[in-house]
Amino acid sequence: MSNYSPLATTIGIWLAVGITIAIYSFLYKDNPFYKLAEHLYIGVSTGYLIVIAWTDSIEALLVEPLLHPRSSGSYLVIIPGFLGLLMFTRYSKKAAWLSRIPLAFLIGYGAGLAAPAVIQASLIRHAGITIAPIFNPSQFSLNPMSRLFGILSIGFFSTLVYFVQTDRYTDWGFGRRLFIILGTILSIVLFFIFAIYYPHRNLGAFMDAFYILLLLVGVITVLFYFFYSIEHKKSLKGVAKTGMIYLMVYFGTSFGYTVMARLSLAIGRMRFIVDDWLKKSTTKQWIIAIPVILVITIVLLWQEKASRTARKSE
């Protein structure tokens, strides 16, 4: 249930729809309606951030402790307050060097605060996942079939590496190269099936082991792709290409996720326009809104024409 009056809610919906349409008008071309919405967005955002900075930071952490000190240590907030004031010396050419002092504190404190969190989240946690055991001893079985396909996978892979290293791989025909590559992949997959899935019929354990193997291969090959101390040639070229494939898959999924997120936002705005505006708008609201829209349109077009004339005269 909204705490605002029906009139305020209606005005807010019309303003939100008008600004939304003005922003999407940029898809046609740059126009004064888009510029108006852009300036409103930047201005309102800046004003909101200023209010939040005052209420949550300056007033709560600086003004309030000085006006109502709870102990003698409350007056220590003068030090960060003074450092904050030094930031404004950037507007003076002679005293601009003083702003480097609070910036040094800010950057040093931020780096020291963020480093442990980044190391924990991006290095230690990822390293822990990477070095996880591929096979669960309770779900792994070296039966005759798994031994057979394990030996075959080693043989196929060793043969591939040997002929690549001796520059004989390119002399093969396409069918022979396809056979050795598919033989390597198929023997590895069959080894996983008979070593993990077949004894206990546990599909989850099989998929977990396969995912960990893919993750391990991806980490090693991507790191090697950025390792330039060794020339990427012969079999090492294949390792680098595998890392490049992993990178392309990552970039593609990241881009797809970004597009999906933006489309979901656009769908949300379209549903807002249809459900909250078009379906609930009354004739009386349109009678009031149309003259206002016409006046705003005339003013914006006149201002745009005047600015173009001024630019041409210059």
C-alpha atoms as a PDB file:
ATOM      1  CA  MET A   1       0.000   0.000   0.000  1.00  0.00           C
ATOM      2  CA  SER A   2       1.491   3.343  -1.086  1.00  0.00           C
ATOM      3  CA  ASN A   3       1.907   6.114   1.492  1.00  0.00           C
ATOM      4  CA  TYR A   4       1.434   8.797  -1.173  1.00  0.00           C
ATOM      5  CA  SER A   5      -1.828  10.390  -2.210  1.00  0.00           C
ATOM      6  CA  PRO A   6      -3.503   9.256  -5.469  1.00  0.00           C
ATOM      7  CA  LEU A   7      -2.662  12.610  -7.088  1.00  0.00           C
ATOM      8  CA  ALA A   8       1.049  12.306  -6.213  1.00  0.00           C
ATOM      9  CA  THR A   9       1.099   8.687  -7.428  1.00  0.00           C
ATOM     10  CA  THR A  10      -0.503   9.655 -10.746  1.00  0.00           C
ATOM     11  CA  ILE A  11       1.911  12.554 -11.304  1.00  0.00           C
ATOM     12  CA  GLY A  12       4.840  10.276 -10.468  1.00  0.00           C
ATOM     13  CA  ILE A  13       3.695   7.629 -12.962  1.00  0.00           C
ATOM     14  CA  TRP A  14       3.282  10.199 -15.758  1.00  0.00           C
ATOM     15  CA  LEU A  15       6.711  11.703 -15.041  1.00  0.00           C
ATOM     16  CA  ALA A  16       8.351   8.280 -14.959  1.00  0.00           C
ATOM     17  CA  VAL A  17       6.718   7.261 -18.247  1.00  0.00           C
ATOM     18  CA  GLY A  18       7.643  10.580 -19.890  1.00  0.00           C
ATOM     19  CA  ILE A  19      11.284  10.308 -18.853  1.00  0.00           C
ATOM     20  CA  THR A  20      11.404   6.642 -19.942  1.00  0.00           C
ATOM     21  CA  ILE A  21      10.058   7.458 -23.407  1.00  0.00           C
ATOM     22  CA  ALA A  22      12.428  10.438 -23.655  1.00  0.00           C
ATOM     23  CA  ILE A  23      15.408   8.217 -22.877  1.00  0.00           C
ATOM     24  CA  TYR A  24      14.338   5.604 -25.450  1.00  0.00           C
ATOM     25  CA  SER A  25      13.906   8.366 -28.046  1.00  0.00           C
ATOM     26  CA  PHE A  26      17.707   8.320 -28.396  1.00  0.00           C
ATOM     27  CA  LEU A  27      17.246   5.067 -30.367  1.00  0.00           C
ATOM     28  CA  TYR A  28      15.899   7.286 -33.163  1.00  0.00           C
ATOM     29  CA  LYS A  29      18.475  10.073 -32.878  1.00  0.00           C
ATOM     30  CA  ASP A  30      19.803  12.665 -30.463  1.00  0.00           C
ATOM     31  CA  ASN A  31      17.002  15.076 -29.650  1.00  0.00           C
ATOM     32  CA  PRO A  32      16.056  17.705 -27.010  1.00  0.00           C
ATOM     33  CA  PHE A  33      13.750  15.271 -25.189  1.00  0.00           C
ATOM     34  CA  TYR A  34      16.629  12.877 -24.590  1.00  0.00           C
ATOM     35  CA  LYS A  35      18.854  15.744 -23.461  1.00  0.00           C
ATOM     36  CA  LEU A  36      16.209  16.898 -20.989  1.00  0.00           C
ATOM     37  CA  ALA A  37      15.876  13.386 -19.527  1.00  0.00           C
ATOM     38  CA  GLU A  38      19.662  12.993 -19.428  1.00  0.00           C
ATOM     39  CA  HIS A  39      20.137  16.251 -17.536  1.00  0.00           C
ATOM     40  CA  LEU A  40      17.311  15.360 -15.140  1.00  0.00           C
ATOM     41  CA  TYR A  41      18.858  11.952 -14.452  1.00  0.00           C
ATOM     42  CA  ILE A  42      22.313  13.379 -13.764  1.00  0.00           C
ATOM     43  CA  GLY A  43      20.980  16.259 -11.687  1.00  0.00           C
ATOM     44  CA  VAL A  44      18.636  14.148  -9.563  1.00  0.00           C
ATOM     45  CA  SER A  45      21.306  11.470  -9.049  1.00  0.00           C
ATOM     46  CA  THR A  46      23.860  14.069  -7.987  1.00  0.00           C
ATOM     47  CA  GLY A  47      21.416  15.720  -5.594  1.00  0.00           C
ATOM     48  CA  TYR A  48      20.453  12.357  -4.119  1.00  0.00           C
ATOM     49  CA  LEU A  49      24.098  11.394  -3.582  1.00  0.00           C
ATOM     50  CA  ILE A  50      24.803  14.754  -1.935  1.00  0.00           C
ATOM     51  CA  VAL A  51      21.907  14.251   0.493  1.00  0.00           C
ATOM     52  CA  ILE A  52      23.027  10.694   1.269  1.00  0.00           C
ATOM     53  CA  ALA A  53      26.621  11.870   1.801  1.00  0.00           C
ATOM     54  CA  TRP A  54      25.429  14.563   4.210  1.00  0.00           C
ATOM     55  CA  THR A  55      23.004  12.427   6.252  1.00  0.00           C
ATOM     56  CA  ASP A  56      25.013   9.182   6.346  1.00  0.00           C
ATOM     57  CA  SER A  57      28.562  10.557   6.497  1.00  0.00           C
ATOM     58  CA  ILE A  58      29.042  14.228   7.365  1.00  0.00           C
ATOM     59  CA  GLU A  59      26.138  14.697   9.770  1.00  0.00           C
ATOM     60  CA  ALA A  60      26.286  11.250  11.400  1.00  0.00           C
ATOM     61  CA  LEU A  61      30.081  10.851  11.602  1.00  0.00           C
ATOM     62  CA  LEU A  62      31.333  14.442  11.951  1.00  0.00           C
ATOM     63  CA  VAL A  63      28.698  16.973  13.006  1.00  0.00           C
ATOM     64  CA  GLU A  64      26.822  14.832  15.508  1.00  0.00           C
ATOM     65  CA  PRO A  65      29.927  13.656  17.459  1.00  0.00           C
ATOM     66  CA  LEU A  66      31.148  17.268  17.709  1.00  0.00           C
ATOM     67  CA  LEU A  67      27.804  18.700  18.834  1.00  0.00           C
ATOM     68  CA  HIS A  68      26.996  15.848  21.213  1.00  0.00           C
ATOM     69  CA  PRO A  69      30.312  14.248  22.243  1.00  0.00           C
ATOM     70  CA  ARG A  70      30.036  11.030  24.211  1.00  0.00           C
ATOM     71  CA  SER A  71      33.678  11.047  25.302  1.00  0.00           C
ATOM     72  CA  SER A  72      36.884  12.974  24.796  1.00  0.00           C
ATOM     73  CA  GLY A  73      37.723  10.692  21.886  1.00  0.00           C
ATOM     74  CA  SER A  74      34.759  12.059  19.949  1.00  0.00           C
ATOM     75  CA  TYR A  75      36.791  15.162  19.106  1.00  0.00           C
ATOM     76  CA  LEU A  76      39.222  13.025  17.104  1.00  0.00           C
ATOM     77  CA  VAL A  77      36.794  13.238  14.179  1.00  0.00           C
ATOM     78  CA  ILE A  78      38.253  16.697  13.583  1.00  0.00           C
ATOM     79  CA  ILE A  79      41.238  15.003  11.929  1.00  0.00           C
ATOM     80  CA  PRO A  80      39.279  13.223   9.151  1.00  0.00           C
ATOM     81  CA  GLY A  81      37.059  16.306   8.848  1.00  0.00           C
ATOM     82  CA  PHE A  82      40.128  18.474   8.250  1.00  0.00           C
ATOM     83  CA  LEU A  83      41.450  15.969   5.709  1.00  0.00           C
ATOM     84  CA  GLY A  84      38.092  16.099   3.947  1.00  0.00           C
ATOM     85  CA  LEU A  85      38.282  19.882   3.758  1.00  0.00           C
ATOM     86  CA  LEU A  86      41.724  19.604   2.178  1.00  0.00           C
ATOM     87  CA  MET A  87      40.088  17.825  -0.764  1.00  0.00           C
ATOM     88  CA  PHE A  88      38.510  21.138  -1.759  1.00  0.00           C
ATOM     89  CA  THR A  89      41.937  22.712  -2.248  1.00  0.00           C
ATOM     90  CA  ARG A  90      41.813  21.182  -5.728  1.00  0.00           C
ATOM     91  CA  TYR A  91      39.914  24.307  -6.759  1.00  0.00           C
ATOM     92  CA  SER A  92      42.947  26.479  -5.986  1.00  0.00           C
ATOM     93  CA  LYS A  93      45.991  26.332  -8.227  1.00  0.00           C
ATOM     94  CA  LYS A  94      48.375  27.376  -5.467  1.00  0.00           C
ATOM     95  CA  ALA A  95      47.008  25.044  -2.781  1.00  0.00           C
ATOM     96  CA  ALA A  96      46.056  22.103  -5.013  1.00  0.00           C
ATOM     97  CA  TRP A  97      49.033  20.075  -3.778  1.00  0.00           C
ATOM     98  CA  LEU A  98      47.386  19.818  -0.339  1.00  0.00           C
ATOM     99  CA  SER A  99      44.651  17.597  -1.788  1.00  0.00           C
ATOM    100  CA  ARG A 100      47.264  14.879  -2.308  1.00  0.00           C
ATOM    101  CA  ILE A 101      47.434  14.290   1.451  1.00  0.00           C
ATOM    102  CA  PRO A 102      43.811  13.121   1.921  1.00  0.00           C
ATOM    103  CA  LEU A 103      43.971  11.281  -1.406  1.00  0.00           C
ATOM    104  CA  ALA A 104      47.010   9.348  -0.170  1.00  0.00           C
ATOM    105  CA  PHE A 105      45.150   8.372   3.019  1.00  0.00           C
ATOM    106  CA  LEU A 106      42.047   7.444   1.052  1.00  0.00           C
ATOM    107  CA  ILE A 107      43.852   5.307  -1.528  1.00  0.00           C
ATOM    108  CA  GLY A 108      46.088   3.646   1.060  1.00  0.00           C
ATOM    109  CA  TYR A 109      43.210   2.856   3.394  1.00  0.00           C
ATOM    110  CA  GLY A 110      41.023   1.614   0.525  1.00  0.00           C
ATOM    111  CA  ALA A 111      43.755  -0.599  -0.880  1.00  0.00           C
ATOM    112  CA  GLY A 112      44.556  -2.064   2.539  1.00  0.00           C
ATOM    113  CA  LEU A 113      40.881  -2.711   3.227  1.00  0.00           C
ATOM    114  CA  ALA A 114      40.135  -4.233  -0.176  1.00  0.00           C
ATOM    115  CA  ALA A 115      43.276  -6.377  -0.556  1.00  0.00           C
ATOM    116  CA  PRO A 116      42.340  -9.115   1.984  1.00  0.00           C
ATOM    117  CA  ALA A 117      38.796  -9.354   0.633  1.00  0.00           C
ATOM    118  CA  VAL A 118      39.971  -9.546  -2.981  1.00  0.00           C
ATOM    119  CA  ILE A 119      42.644 -12.131  -2.148  1.00  0.00           C
ATOM    120  CA  GLN A 120      40.121 -14.225  -0.224  1.00  0.00           C
ATOM    121  CA  ALA A 121      37.409 -14.028  -2.887  1.00  0.00           C
ATOM    122  CA  SER A 122      39.453 -14.100  -6.090  1.00  0.00           C
ATOM    123  CA  LEU A 123      42.582 -16.052  -5.173  1.00  0.00           C
ATOM    124  CA  ILE A 124      42.180 -18.331  -2.167  1.00  0.00           C
ATOM    125  CA  ARG A 125      38.598 -19.417  -2.896  1.00  0.00           C
ATOM    126  CA  HIS A 126      39.260 -19.990  -6.593  1.00  0.00           C
ATOM    127  CA  ALA A 127      42.512 -21.800  -5.843  1.00  0.00           C
ATOM    128  CA  GLY A 128      40.656 -24.042  -3.404  1.00  0.00           C
ATOM    129  CA  ILE A 129      38.113 -24.952  -6.068  1.00  0.00           C
ATOM    130  CA  THR A 130      40.851 -25.543  -8.634  1.00  0.00           C
ATOM    131  CA  ILE A 131      42.866 -27.949  -6.456  1.00  0.00           C
ATOM    132  CA  ALA A 132      39.809 -29.967  -5.447  1.00  0.00           C
ATOM    133  CA  PRO A 133      40.292 -33.716  -6.116  1.00  0.00           C
ATOM    134  CA  ILE A 134      38.892 -34.824  -9.457  1.00  0.00           C
ATOM    135  CA  PHE A 135      37.888 -38.271  -8.197  1.00  0.00           C
ATOM    136  CA  ASN A 136      36.003 -39.064  -5.031  1.00  0.00           C
ATOM    137  CA  PRO A 137      37.701 -42.207  -3.637  1.00  0.00           C
ATOM    138  CA  SER A 138      34.349 -43.640  -2.529  1.00  0.00           C
ATOM    139  CA  GLN A 139      32.892 -43.181  -6.032  1.00  0.00           C
ATOM    140  CA  PHE A 140      35.959 -44.204  -8.064  1.00  0.00           C
ATOM    141  CA  SER A 141      36.636 -47.737  -9.315  1.00  0.00           C
ATOM    142  CA  LEU A 142      39.555 -49.094 -11.353  1.00  0.00           C
ATOM    143  CA  ASN A 143      37.716 -51.941 -13.059  1.00  0.00           C
ATOM    144  CA  PRO A 144      38.981 -53.649 -16.238  1.00  0.00           C
ATOM    145  CA  MET A 145      37.017 -51.324 -18.564  1.00  0.00           C
ATOM    146  CA  SER A 146      38.249 -48.170 -16.853  1.00  0.00           C
ATOM    147  CA  ARG A 147      41.839 -49.472 -17.005  1.00  0.00           C
ATOM    148  CA  LEU A 148      41.421 -50.234 -20.716  1.00  0.00           C
ATOM    149  CA  PHE A 149      40.091 -46.818 -21.654  1.00  0.00           C
ATOM    150  CA  GLY A 150      42.587 -45.116 -19.343  1.00  0.00           C
ATOM    151  CA  ILE A 151      45.442 -46.774 -21.218  1.00  0.00           C
ATOM    152  CA  LEU A 152      43.796 -45.913 -24.554  1.00  0.00           C
ATOM    153  CA  SER A 153      43.387 -42.244 -23.575  1.00  0.00           C
ATOM    154  CA  ILE A 154      47.048 -42.039 -22.563  1.00  0.00           C
ATOM    155  CA  GLY A 155      48.066 -43.750 -25.798  1.00  0.00           C
ATOM    156  CA  PHE A 156      45.944 -41.529 -28.040  1.00  0.00           C
ATOM    157  CA  PHE A 157      47.082 -38.362 -26.280  1.00  0.00           C
ATOM    158  CA  SER A 158      50.772 -39.381 -26.297  1.00  0.00           C
ATOM    159  CA  THR A 159      50.558 -40.210 -29.997  1.00  0.00           C
ATOM    160  CA  LEU A 160      48.998 -36.837 -30.745  1.00  0.00           C
ATOM    161  CA  VAL A 161      51.667 -34.957 -28.788  1.00  0.00           C
ATOM    162  CA  TYR A 162      54.482 -37.012 -30.356  1.00  0.00           C
ATOM    163  CA  PHE A 163      53.442 -36.359 -33.945  1.00  0.00           C
ATOM    164  CA  VAL A 164      52.827 -32.676 -33.255  1.00  0.00           C
ATOM    165  CA  GLN A 165      56.261 -32.296 -31.655  1.00  0.00           C
ATOM    166  CA  THR A 166      57.939 -34.038 -34.597  1.00  0.00           C
ATOM    167  CA  ASP A 167      56.098 -31.846 -37.152  1.00  0.00           C
ATOM    168  CA  ARG A 168      54.316 -34.858 -38.681  1.00  0.00           C
ATOM    169  CA  TYR A 169      50.794 -33.931 -37.649  1.00  0.00           C
ATOM    170  CA  THR A 170      50.237 -31.541 -40.579  1.00  0.00           C
ATOM    171  CA  ASP A 171      51.285 -34.278 -43.033  1.00  0.00           C
ATOM    172  CA  TRP A 172      48.242 -36.352 -42.067  1.00  0.00           C
ATOM    173  CA  GLY A 173      44.972 -36.209 -43.925  1.00  0.00           C
ATOM    174  CA  PHE A 174      41.864 -34.715 -42.363  1.00  0.00           C
ATOM    175  CA  GLY A 175      40.360 -38.125 -41.595  1.00  0.00           C
ATOM    176  CA  ARG A 176      43.455 -39.319 -39.751  1.00  0.00           C
ATOM    177  CA  ARG A 177      43.683 -36.155 -37.673  1.00  0.00           C
ATOM    178  CA  LEU A 178      39.975 -36.363 -36.837  1.00  0.00           C
ATOM    179  CA  PHE A 179      40.396 -39.973 -35.784  1.00  0.00           C
ATOM    180  CA  ILE A 180      43.230 -39.275 -33.355  1.00  0.00           C
ATOM    181  CA  ILE A 181      41.441 -36.246 -31.814  1.00  0.00           C
ATOM    182  CA  LEU A 182      38.080 -38.004 -31.454  1.00  0.00           C
ATOM    183  CA  GLY A 183      39.855 -41.093 -30.127  1.00  0.00           C
ATOM    184  CA  THR A 184      41.530 -39.012 -27.424  1.00  0.00           C
ATOM    185  CA  ILE A 185      38.287 -37.291 -26.383  1.00  0.00           C
ATOM    186  CA  LEU A 186      36.146 -40.432 -26.549  1.00  0.00           C
ATOM    187  CA  SER A 187      38.607 -42.574 -24.582  1.00  0.00           C
ATOM    188  CA  ILE A 188      38.791 -39.956 -21.807  1.00  0.00           C
ATOM    189  CA  VAL A 189      34.983 -39.725 -21.618  1.00  0.00           C
ATOM    190  CA  LEU A 190      34.628 -43.532 -21.539  1.00  0.00           C
ATOM    191  CA  PHE A 191      37.275 -43.727 -18.826  1.00  0.00           C
ATOM    192  CA  PHE A 192      35.208 -41.347 -16.694  1.00  0.00           C
ATOM    193  CA  ILE A 193      32.030 -43.305 -17.407  1.00  0.00           C
ATOM    194  CA  PHE A 194      33.415 -46.715 -16.416  1.00  0.00           C
ATOM    195  CA  ALA A 195      35.528 -45.391 -13.509  1.00  0.00           C
ATOM    196  CA  ILE A 196      32.884 -43.205 -11.846  1.00  0.00           C
ATOM    197  CA  TYR A 197      29.389 -43.628 -13.280  1.00  0.00           C
ATOM    198  CA  TYR A 198      29.208 -47.337 -14.152  1.00  0.00           C
ATOM    199  CA  PRO A 199      30.068 -48.891 -10.712  1.00  0.00           C
ATOM    200  CA  HIS A 200      27.460 -46.912  -8.689  1.00  0.00           C
ATOM    201  CA  ARG A 201      25.209 -45.430 -11.441  1.00  0.00           C
ATOM    202  CA  ASN A 202      25.758 -42.012  -9.815  1.00  0.00           C
ATOM    203  CA  LEU A 203      25.303 -39.374 -12.506  1.00  0.00           C
ATOM    204  CA  GLY A 204      25.960 -36.514 -10.059  1.00  0.00           C
ATOM    205  CA  ALA A 205      29.418 -37.829  -9.131  1.00  0.00           C
ATOM    206  CA  PHE A 206      30.240 -38.317 -12.807  1.00  0.00           C
ATOM    207  CA  MET A 207      29.222 -34.764 -13.723  1.00  0.00           C
ATOM    208  CA  ASP A 208      31.083 -33.287 -10.724  1.00  0.00           C
ATOM    209  CA  ALA A 209      34.300 -35.038 -11.743  1.00  0.00           C
ATOM    210  CA  PHE A 210      33.863 -33.963 -15.353  1.00  0.00           C
ATOM    211  CA  TYR A 211      33.239 -30.323 -14.355  1.00  0.00           C
ATOM    212  CA  ILE A 212      36.310 -30.281 -12.099  1.00  0.00           C
ATOM    213  CA  LEU A 213      38.414 -31.681 -14.951  1.00  0.00           C
ATOM    214  CA  LEU A 214      37.117 -29.017 -17.344  1.00  0.00           C
ATOM    215  CA  LEU A 215      37.844 -26.353 -14.721  1.00  0.00           C
ATOM    216  CA  LEU A 216      41.378 -27.644 -14.181  1.00  0.00           C
ATOM    217  CA  VAL A 217      42.092 -27.753 -17.912  1.00  0.00           C
ATOM    218  CA  GLY A 218      40.675 -24.238 -18.296  1.00  0.00           C
ATOM    219  CA  VAL A 219      42.794 -22.765 -15.499  1.00  0.00           C
ATOM    220  CA  ILE A 220      46.007 -24.328 -16.791  1.00  0.00           C
ATOM    221  CA  THR A 221      45.453 -23.465 -20.458  1.00  0.00           C
ATOM    222  CA  VAL A 222      44.284 -19.885 -19.798  1.00  0.00           C
ATOM    223  CA  LEU A 223      47.274 -19.224 -17.549  1.00  0.00           C
ATOM    224  CA  PHE A 224      49.568 -20.679 -20.201  1.00  0.00           C
ATOM    225  CA  TYR A 225      47.944 -18.479 -22.871  1.00  0.00           C
ATOM    226  CA  PHE A 226      49.280 -15.432 -21.003  1.00  0.00           C
ATOM    227  CA  PHE A 227      52.678 -17.052 -20.362  1.00  0.00           C
ATOM    228  CA  TYR A 228      55.016 -15.485 -22.939  1.00  0.00           C
ATOM    229  CA  SER A 229      58.376 -16.717 -21.663  1.00  0.00           C
ATOM    230  CA  ILE A 230      58.020 -19.817 -23.876  1.00  0.00           C
ATOM    231  CA  GLU A 231      57.159 -19.648 -27.558  1.00  0.00           C
ATOM    232  CA  HIS A 232      53.725 -21.062 -28.307  1.00  0.00           C
ATOM    233  CA  LYS A 233      54.591 -23.569 -30.991  1.00  0.00           C
ATOM    234  CA  LYS A 234      53.956 -27.222 -31.756  1.00  0.00           C
ATOM    235  CA  SER A 235      52.011 -28.937 -28.949  1.00  0.00           C
ATOM    236  CA  LEU A 236      52.267 -25.841 -26.744  1.00  0.00           C
ATOM    237  CA  LYS A 237      50.391 -23.957 -29.450  1.00  0.00           C
ATOM    238  CA  GLY A 238      47.474 -26.334 -28.936  1.00  0.00           C
ATOM    239  CA  VAL A 239      47.520 -25.627 -25.199  1.00  0.00           C
ATOM    240  CA  ALA A 240      47.415 -21.881 -25.866  1.00  0.00           C
ATOM    241  CA  LYS A 241      44.578 -22.303 -28.381  1.00  0.00           C
ATOM    242  CA  THR A 242      42.605 -24.288 -25.808  1.00  0.00           C
ATOM    243  CA  GLY A 243      43.039 -21.415 -23.360  1.00  0.00           C
ATOM    244  CA  MET A 244      41.864 -18.984 -26.037  1.00  0.00           C
ATOM    245  CA  ILE A 245      38.733 -21.087 -26.565  1.00  0.00           C
ATOM    246  CA  TYR A 246      38.004 -20.944 -22.825  1.00  0.00           C
ATOM    247  CA  LEU A 247      38.451 -17.155 -22.908  1.00  0.00           C
ATOM    248  CA  MET A 248      36.111 -16.790 -25.885  1.00  0.00           C
ATOM    249  CA  VAL A 249      33.467 -18.908 -24.142  1.00  0.00           C
ATOM    250  CA  TYR A 250      33.798 -16.742 -21.017  1.00  0.00           C
ATOM    251  CA  PHE A 251      33.564 -13.471 -22.951  1.00  0.00           C
ATOM    252  CA  GLY A 252      30.600 -14.759 -24.938  1.00  0.00           C
ATOM    253  CA  THR A 253      28.660 -15.871 -21.867  1.00  0.00           C
ATOM    254  CA  SER A 254      29.480 -12.612 -20.063  1.00  0.00           C
ATOM    255  CA  PHE A 255      28.209 -10.598 -23.028  1.00  0.00           C
ATOM    256  CA  GLY A 256      25.092 -12.758 -23.275  1.00  0.00           C
ATOM    257  CA  TYR A 257      24.404 -12.342 -19.572  1.00  0.00           C
ATOM    258  CA  THR A 258      24.803  -8.569 -19.909  1.00  0.00           C
ATOM    259  CA  VAL A 259      22.413  -8.442 -22.861  1.00  0.00           C
ATOM    260  CA  MET A 260      19.907 -10.606 -20.987  1.00  0.00           C
ATOM    261  CA  ALA A 261      20.080  -8.307 -17.942  1.00  0.00           C
ATOM    262  CA  ARG A 262      19.546  -5.210 -20.099  1.00  0.00           C
ATOM    263  CA  LEU A 263      16.637  -6.841 -21.913  1.00  0.00           C
ATOM    264  CA  SER A 264      15.020  -7.790 -18.619  1.00  0.00           C
ATOM    265  CA  LEU A 265      15.265  -4.139 -17.543  1.00  0.00           C
ATOM    266  CA  ALA A 266      13.689  -3.039 -20.825  1.00  0.00           C
ATOM    267  CA  ILE A 267      10.893  -5.595 -20.411  1.00  0.00           C
ATOM    268  CA  GLY A 268      10.259  -4.285 -16.905  1.00  0.00           C
ATOM    269  CA  ARG A 269       9.921  -0.711 -18.194  1.00  0.00           C
ATOM    270  CA  MET A 270       7.590  -1.838 -20.993  1.00  0.00           C
ATOM    271  CA  ARG A 271       5.367  -3.646 -18.506  1.00  0.00           C
ATOM    272  CA  PHE A 272       5.357  -0.516 -16.340  1.00  0.00           C
ATOM    273  CA  ILE A 273       4.280   1.622 -19.295  1.00  0.00           C
ATOM    274  CA  VAL A 274       1.510  -0.782 -20.314  1.00  0.00           C
ATOM    275  CA  ASP A 275       0.217  -1.963 -16.928  1.00  0.00           C
ATOM    276  CA  ASP A 276       0.671   1.130 -14.737  1.00  0.00           C
ATOM    277  CA  TRP A 277       0.158   3.857 -17.336  1.00  0.00           C
ATOM    278  CA  LEU A 278      -1.830   2.889 -20.438  1.00  0.00           C
ATOM    279  CA  LYS A 279      -4.286   0.580 -18.693  1.00  0.00           C
ATOM    280  CA  LYS A 280      -4.875   2.895 -15.713  1.00  0.00           C
ATOM    281  CA  SER A 281      -4.871   6.295 -17.433  1.00  0.00           C
ATOM    282  CA  THR A 282      -8.210   8.074 -17.536  1.00  0.00           C
ATOM    283  CA  THR A 283      -9.659  10.536 -20.039  1.00  0.00           C
ATOM    284  CA  LYS A 284      -9.390  13.353 -17.504  1.00  0.00           C
ATOM    285  CA  GLN A 285      -5.675  12.670 -17.054  1.00  0.00           C
ATOM    286  CA  TRP A 286      -5.121  12.782 -20.818  1.00  0.00           C
ATOM    287  CA  ILE A 287      -7.022  16.081 -21.106  1.00  0.00           C
ATOM    288  CA  ILE A 288      -4.711  17.613 -18.489  1.00  0.00           C
ATOM    289  CA  ALA A 289      -1.500  15.985 -19.739  1.00  0.00           C
ATOM    290  CA  ILE A 290      -1.787  16.751 -23.473  1.00  0.00           C
ATOM    291  CA  PRO A 291      -1.566  20.580 -23.132  1.00  0.00           C
ATOM    292  CA  VAL A 292       1.370  20.203 -20.722  1.00  0.00           C
ATOM    293  CA  ILE A 293       3.138  17.879 -23.178  1.00  0.00           C
ATOM    294  CA  LEU A 294       2.523  20.313 -26.040  1.00  0.00           C
ATOM    295  CA  VAL A 295       3.944  23.235 -24.066  1.00  0.00           C
ATOM    296  CA  ILE A 296       7.069  21.254 -23.093  1.00  0.00           C
ATOM    297  CA  THR A 297       7.503  20.139 -26.705  1.00  0.00           C
ATOM    298  CA  ILE A 298       7.216  23.673 -28.080  1.00  0.00           C
ATOM    299  CA  VAL A 299       9.681  25.032 -25.502  1.00  0.00           C
ATOM    300  CA  LEU A 300      12.238  22.292 -26.140  1.00  0.00           C
ATOM    301  CA  LEU A 301      12.002  22.584 -29.942  1.00  0.00           C
ATOM    302  CA  TRP A 302      12.263  26.363 -29.765  1.00  0.00           C
ATOM    303  CA  GLN A 303      15.323  26.122 -27.502  1.00  0.00           C
ATOM    304  CA  GLU A 304      16.937  23.573 -29.825  1.00  0.00           C
ATOM    305  CA  LYS A 305      16.318  25.796 -32.846  1.00  0.00           C
ATOM    306  CA  ALA A 306      17.730  28.822 -31.017  1.00  0.00           C
ATOM    307  CA  SER A 307      20.878  26.942 -30.008  1.00  0.00           C
ATOM    308  CA  ARG A 308      21.419  25.758 -33.597  1.00  0.00           C
ATOM    309  CA  THR A 309      21.029  29.300 -34.883  1.00  0.00           C
ATOM    310  CA  ALA A 310      23.539  30.545 -32.301  1.00  0.00           C
ATOM    311  CA  ARG A 311      26.047  27.875 -33.321  1.00  0.00           C
ATOM    312  CA  LYS A 312      25.706  28.740 -36.986  1.00  0.00           C
ATOM    313  CA  SER A 313      26.198  32.442 -36.308  1.00  0.00           C
ATOM    314  CA  GLU A 314      29.457  31.721 -34.490  1.00  0.00           C
END
